[in-house]
Amino acid sequence: MISYTVLTPLGGADRDHASTLFVADRFIWSAMFLPWIWLLSRRMWFAAFVVFVAECLAIFLMRQPGLGTAGLLAILAIHALVALEGGNLHIRHLIVGGWNVAGQIAASDLATAEEQFFANLPEPAETPLPLASDWAKPNSSPTQGWSAPALGLFDNTGAR
């Protein structure tokens, strides 16, 4: 089972929940192999910069005589940390950006998590359409239409 955190944008979810995010709490393989690129793809600029600098320092450490193993272990630790905690870091980044946590779902896959979450939502309230008599009311403010002076390059006064 995978734990999914459900996030909605700052103004609330839109009517069809297209902006609702499901972030999985699991090992992220792409973050294991390219951690700072994965962080950049999630718009976590500062975290990507920190990981990039830490990797550069670990590579520098690897090149020092007798410290190659320590540098390699440092790189592996950085990659494993981002792969294990990347989802949590992404959730925290979104919360700081104004997203709201709508819930947590434990499911075997994303489709099941979405089905469980959306099944528990209340039906949206229907807004009544305006009456036909309201559509037929004439506009109370007179308009000048095409006979008014133009603001563009050409003055279209209705003449051909």
Protein backbone atom coordinates (compact mmCIF):
# COMPACT_ATOMS: atom_id res chain seq x y z
CA MET A 1 0.00 0.00 0.00
CA ILE A 2 1.17 3.48 -0.85
CA SER A 3 0.22 6.54 1.15
CA TYR A 4 -0.97 9.46 -0.99
CA THR A 5 -1.28 13.02 0.29
CA VAL A 6 -4.06 14.94 -1.44
CA LEU A 7 -3.41 18.66 -2.01
CA THR A 8 -5.71 21.37 -3.34
CA PRO A 9 -4.65 24.83 -4.56
CA LEU A 10 -4.88 28.00 -2.49
CA GLY A 11 -8.31 29.10 -3.70
CA GLY A 12 -9.74 25.61 -3.26
CA ALA A 13 -10.25 22.90 -5.81
CA ASP A 14 -11.92 23.79 -9.06
CA ARG A 15 -15.27 22.29 -9.97
CA ASP A 16 -13.89 19.19 -11.70
CA HIS A 17 -10.84 18.85 -9.38
CA ALA A 18 -8.39 19.01 -12.28
CA SER A 19 -5.91 20.91 -10.09
CA THR A 20 -6.07 18.44 -7.18
CA LEU A 21 -2.68 16.76 -6.64
CA PHE A 22 -1.96 13.30 -5.30
CA VAL A 23 1.64 13.02 -4.06
CA ALA A 24 2.84 9.50 -3.26
CA ASP A 25 5.01 8.82 -0.23
CA ARG A 26 7.39 6.26 -1.70
CA PHE A 27 10.91 5.75 -3.03
CA ILE A 28 11.47 7.91 -6.13
CA TRP A 29 13.84 6.24 -8.56
CA SER A 30 14.37 9.30 -10.76
CA ALA A 31 15.38 11.25 -7.65
CA MET A 32 17.86 8.51 -6.78
CA PHE A 33 19.74 8.82 -10.05
CA LEU A 34 19.42 12.57 -10.74
CA PRO A 35 18.41 14.24 -7.46
CA TRP A 36 19.05 17.89 -8.23
CA ILE A 37 17.43 17.61 -11.66
CA TRP A 38 14.39 15.96 -10.05
CA LEU A 39 14.22 18.81 -7.54
CA LEU A 40 14.46 21.39 -10.35
CA SER A 41 11.61 19.65 -12.19
CA ARG A 42 9.48 20.14 -9.05
CA ARG A 43 10.50 23.84 -8.83
CA MET A 44 12.39 23.41 -5.57
CA TRP A 45 15.22 25.77 -6.55
CA PHE A 46 16.92 26.16 -3.18
CA ALA A 47 16.87 22.45 -2.38
CA ALA A 48 18.26 21.68 -5.85
CA PHE A 49 21.05 24.22 -5.29
CA VAL A 50 21.91 22.72 -1.89
CA VAL A 51 21.98 19.17 -3.30
CA PHE A 52 24.10 20.30 -6.27
CA VAL A 53 26.64 22.01 -3.99
CA ALA A 54 26.70 18.98 -1.68
CA GLU A 55 27.36 16.70 -4.66
CA CYS A 56 30.14 18.99 -5.87
CA LEU A 57 31.73 18.87 -2.42
CA ALA A 58 31.40 15.07 -2.36
CA ILE A 59 33.04 14.83 -5.79
CA PHE A 60 35.83 17.10 -4.55
CA LEU A 61 36.19 14.80 -1.55
CA MET A 62 36.35 11.75 -3.85
CA ARG A 63 39.29 13.24 -5.74
CA GLN A 64 41.36 13.65 -2.58
CA PRO A 65 43.86 10.85 -1.96
CA GLY A 66 42.52 8.32 0.52
CA LEU A 67 39.01 9.87 0.69
CA GLY A 68 37.48 8.32 -2.44
CA THR A 69 35.29 5.93 -0.47
CA ALA A 70 34.05 8.69 1.84
CA GLY A 71 33.15 10.85 -1.17
CA LEU A 72 31.33 7.97 -2.85
CA LEU A 73 29.39 7.20 0.33
CA ALA A 74 28.48 10.89 0.64
CA ILE A 75 27.12 10.94 -2.91
CA LEU A 76 25.14 7.75 -2.31
CA ALA A 77 23.77 9.17 0.94
CA ILE A 78 22.67 12.40 -0.77
CA HIS A 79 20.96 10.47 -3.57
CA ALA A 80 19.25 8.07 -1.14
CA LEU A 81 18.07 10.92 1.08
CA VAL A 82 16.45 12.77 -1.84
CA ALA A 83 14.92 9.52 -3.17
CA LEU A 84 13.45 8.61 0.22
CA GLU A 85 12.32 12.07 1.35
CA GLY A 86 11.67 13.74 -2.02
CA GLY A 87 7.91 13.24 -1.87
CA ASN A 88 7.72 14.69 1.64
CA LEU A 89 9.91 17.63 0.59
CA HIS A 90 7.64 18.22 -2.41
CA ILE A 91 4.55 18.23 -0.16
CA ARG A 92 6.16 20.71 2.23
CA HIS A 93 7.17 22.93 -0.69
CA LEU A 94 3.59 22.97 -1.99
CA ILE A 95 2.16 23.74 1.47
CA VAL A 96 4.52 26.70 1.84
CA GLY A 97 3.37 27.82 -1.62
CA GLY A 98 -0.24 27.98 -0.42
CA TRP A 99 -1.60 24.52 -1.20
CA ASN A 100 -3.91 22.89 1.35
CA VAL A 101 -3.80 19.29 2.54
CA ALA A 102 -7.20 17.79 1.77
CA GLY A 103 -6.45 14.35 3.17
CA GLN A 104 -4.36 11.21 3.05
CA ILE A 105 -5.32 8.03 1.27
CA ALA A 106 -3.72 4.59 1.49
CA ALA A 107 -4.16 2.72 -1.77
CA SER A 108 -2.37 0.27 -4.03
CA ASP A 109 -2.13 2.70 -6.96
CA LEU A 110 -3.01 6.25 -8.01
CA ALA A 111 -6.28 5.32 -9.72
CA THR A 112 -7.56 3.61 -6.57
CA ALA A 113 -6.50 6.57 -4.42
CA GLU A 114 -8.34 8.99 -6.69
CA GLU A 115 -11.43 6.80 -6.66
CA GLN A 116 -11.43 6.59 -2.85
CA PHE A 117 -10.92 10.34 -2.42
CA PHE A 118 -13.50 11.51 -4.95
CA ALA A 119 -16.10 8.99 -3.76
CA ASN A 120 -16.15 10.68 -0.34
CA LEU A 121 -16.63 14.23 -1.68
CA PRO A 122 -20.09 15.80 -1.46
CA GLU A 123 -21.90 16.53 -4.68
CA PRO A 124 -21.40 20.13 -5.81
CA ALA A 125 -24.42 22.40 -5.42
CA GLU A 126 -26.18 23.12 -8.67
CA THR A 127 -26.44 26.79 -9.50
CA PRO A 128 -29.79 27.66 -11.06
CA LEU A 129 -29.80 29.06 -14.58
CA PRO A 130 -31.30 32.51 -15.10
CA LEU A 131 -34.92 32.63 -16.17
CA ALA A 132 -35.72 33.12 -19.84
CA SER A 133 -37.52 36.36 -18.98
CA ASP A 134 -34.26 37.76 -17.56
CA TRP A 135 -32.50 37.14 -20.87
CA ALA A 136 -35.12 39.08 -22.79
CA LYS A 137 -34.82 42.28 -20.72
CA PRO A 138 -33.45 45.16 -22.79
CA ASN A 139 -30.30 46.88 -21.66
CA SER A 140 -31.08 50.05 -19.72
CA SER A 141 -27.91 51.91 -20.73
CA PRO A 142 -27.87 53.32 -24.25
CA THR A 143 -24.82 52.46 -26.34
CA GLN A 144 -23.42 54.32 -29.30
CA GLY A 145 -22.27 51.19 -31.13
CA TRP A 146 -20.32 51.66 -34.34
CA SER A 147 -21.16 55.34 -34.64
CA ALA A 148 -18.74 56.29 -31.84
CA PRO A 149 -15.22 57.50 -32.64
CA ALA A 150 -12.64 54.73 -32.94
CA LEU A 151 -9.45 54.38 -30.93
CA GLY A 152 -7.53 52.31 -33.51
CA LEU A 153 -5.85 53.15 -36.79
CA PHE A 154 -9.06 52.97 -38.76
CA ASP A 155 -12.37 54.64 -37.96
CA ASN A 156 -15.22 52.29 -38.74
CA THR A 157 -18.35 54.44 -38.78
CA GLY A 158 -20.40 51.88 -40.62
CA ALA A 159 -19.61 53.36 -44.05
CA ARG A 160 -18.37 51.09 -46.79
